Amino acid sequence: MQRLDVMSSKTASKEGFRRNTGAKEARIKAGIKADPDARELTAKDFAEMVPFAEMMKRRRGRPKAARHKVPVTVRLEPHVVEFFRRSGPGWQTRMNDTLARYVARHRQDR
């Protein structure tokens, strides 16, 4: 196994690295070719790449909602919470929709 020269300073310089021999480079390329998960990048791949700094500027996660919801703490009857929880993921949204329909119906009555 080839050992790289260890640099005494914290910054590396070109003198601290040895180039691969032709035989070693051929073995590396053969290993890459044999690996089904590895492939050479194409010009199309390079064209689609985005610099890391630019990528990190993009917003990640869920898009912002047009209407913001207000976080509240509400004490509810256990059977009411259990009813909505049993309906599966999204139960809080369904509870909100149910309350929103109630409010809309009672606003019309007034």
Protein backbone atom coordinates (compact mmCIF):
# COMPACT_ATOMS: atom_id res chain seq x y z
CA MET A 1 0.00 0.00 0.00
CA GLN A 2 1.34 3.40 -0.95
CA ARG A 3 1.78 5.89 1.86
CA LEU A 4 1.25 9.60 1.27
CA ASP A 5 3.79 11.96 2.72
CA VAL A 6 2.28 13.60 5.78
CA MET A 7 2.57 17.37 5.73
CA SER A 8 3.72 19.08 8.91
CA SER A 9 1.68 22.22 8.20
CA LYS A 10 -2.11 22.31 8.18
CA THR A 11 -2.26 23.34 4.53
CA ALA A 12 -1.52 20.80 1.84
CA SER A 13 0.74 21.55 -1.08
CA LYS A 14 1.17 19.76 -4.39
CA GLU A 15 4.47 18.26 -3.22
CA GLY A 16 2.61 16.27 -0.52
CA PHE A 17 0.70 14.12 -3.02
CA ARG A 18 1.93 11.46 -5.41
CA ARG A 19 0.27 10.84 -8.74
CA ASN A 20 -1.13 7.37 -9.39
CA THR A 21 0.89 5.13 -11.61
CA GLY A 22 -0.67 4.08 -14.91
CA ALA A 23 -1.36 0.60 -13.56
CA LYS A 24 -3.01 1.91 -10.41
CA GLU A 25 -5.12 4.37 -12.41
CA ALA A 26 -6.21 1.49 -14.70
CA ARG A 27 -7.25 -0.58 -11.64
CA ILE A 28 -9.25 2.36 -10.27
CA LYS A 29 -11.04 2.90 -13.60
CA ALA A 30 -11.75 -0.85 -13.89
CA GLY A 31 -13.25 -0.80 -10.38
CA ILE A 32 -15.45 2.16 -11.30
CA LYS A 33 -16.58 0.45 -14.50
CA ALA A 34 -17.43 -2.77 -12.59
CA ASP A 35 -19.50 -0.89 -9.99
CA PRO A 36 -23.14 -0.65 -11.18
CA ASP A 37 -23.76 2.34 -8.91
CA ALA A 38 -20.85 4.40 -10.25
CA ARG A 39 -20.58 5.94 -13.70
CA GLU A 40 -18.65 8.61 -15.50
CA LEU A 41 -20.40 11.97 -15.50
CA THR A 42 -21.56 13.20 -18.89
CA ALA A 43 -21.63 16.71 -20.31
CA LYS A 44 -25.38 16.72 -19.58
CA ASP A 45 -24.69 15.87 -15.92
CA PHE A 46 -22.25 18.77 -15.64
CA ALA A 47 -24.72 21.14 -17.36
CA GLU A 48 -27.42 20.24 -14.80
CA MET A 49 -25.16 20.77 -11.79
CA VAL A 50 -25.72 23.75 -9.52
CA PRO A 51 -22.99 25.26 -7.34
CA PHE A 52 -23.40 24.24 -3.71
CA ALA A 53 -23.65 27.84 -2.45
CA GLU A 54 -26.43 28.59 -4.95
CA MET A 55 -28.28 25.41 -4.07
CA MET A 56 -28.23 26.28 -0.37
CA LYS A 57 -29.83 29.68 -1.09
CA ARG A 58 -32.94 27.95 -2.43
CA ARG A 59 -35.80 27.51 -0.02
CA ARG A 60 -36.17 23.99 1.23
CA GLY A 61 -39.10 22.30 2.85
CA ARG A 62 -42.74 23.07 2.57
CA PRO A 63 -43.85 26.17 0.66
CA LYS A 64 -45.25 29.02 2.74
CA ALA A 65 -49.02 28.92 3.10
CA ALA A 66 -51.10 31.75 1.64
CA ARG A 67 -53.00 31.94 4.93
CA HIS A 68 -51.04 31.48 8.10
CA LYS A 69 -52.55 29.45 10.91
CA VAL A 70 -52.38 30.59 14.51
CA PRO A 71 -50.89 28.13 17.01
CA VAL A 72 -53.18 27.67 20.01
CA THR A 73 -53.54 25.35 22.95
CA VAL A 74 -57.06 23.95 23.34
CA ARG A 75 -58.39 21.52 25.91
CA LEU A 76 -60.77 19.07 24.22
CA GLU A 77 -62.78 16.08 25.35
CA PRO A 78 -60.73 12.85 24.97
CA HIS A 79 -63.39 11.20 22.80
CA VAL A 80 -63.29 14.15 20.35
CA VAL A 81 -59.51 13.96 19.96
CA GLU A 82 -59.63 10.15 19.67
CA PHE A 83 -62.30 10.38 16.95
CA PHE A 84 -60.08 12.56 14.77
CA ARG A 85 -56.86 10.67 15.57
CA ARG A 86 -58.45 7.37 14.56
CA SER A 87 -59.02 8.81 11.07
CA GLY A 88 -55.25 8.70 10.50
CA PRO A 89 -52.55 11.18 9.48
CA GLY A 90 -53.85 14.68 8.82
CA TRP A 91 -56.34 14.50 11.65
CA GLN A 92 -55.49 18.01 12.85
CA THR A 93 -56.19 19.41 9.38
CA ARG A 94 -59.53 17.58 9.30
CA MET A 95 -60.35 18.98 12.74
CA ASN A 96 -59.50 22.48 11.48
CA ASP A 97 -61.68 21.95 8.36
CA THR A 98 -64.59 20.81 10.53
CA LEU A 99 -64.31 23.91 12.72
CA ALA A 100 -63.96 26.15 9.64
CA ARG A 101 -67.22 24.73 8.17
CA TYR A 102 -68.94 25.31 11.51
CA VAL A 103 -67.78 28.94 11.56
CA ALA A 104 -68.84 29.50 7.92
CA ARG A 105 -72.30 28.01 8.57
CA HIS A 106 -72.88 30.12 11.67
CA ARG A 107 -71.65 33.33 10.03
CA GLN A 108 -74.31 32.86 7.34
CA ASP A 109 -77.01 32.52 9.97
CA ARG A 110 -76.30 35.96 11.42
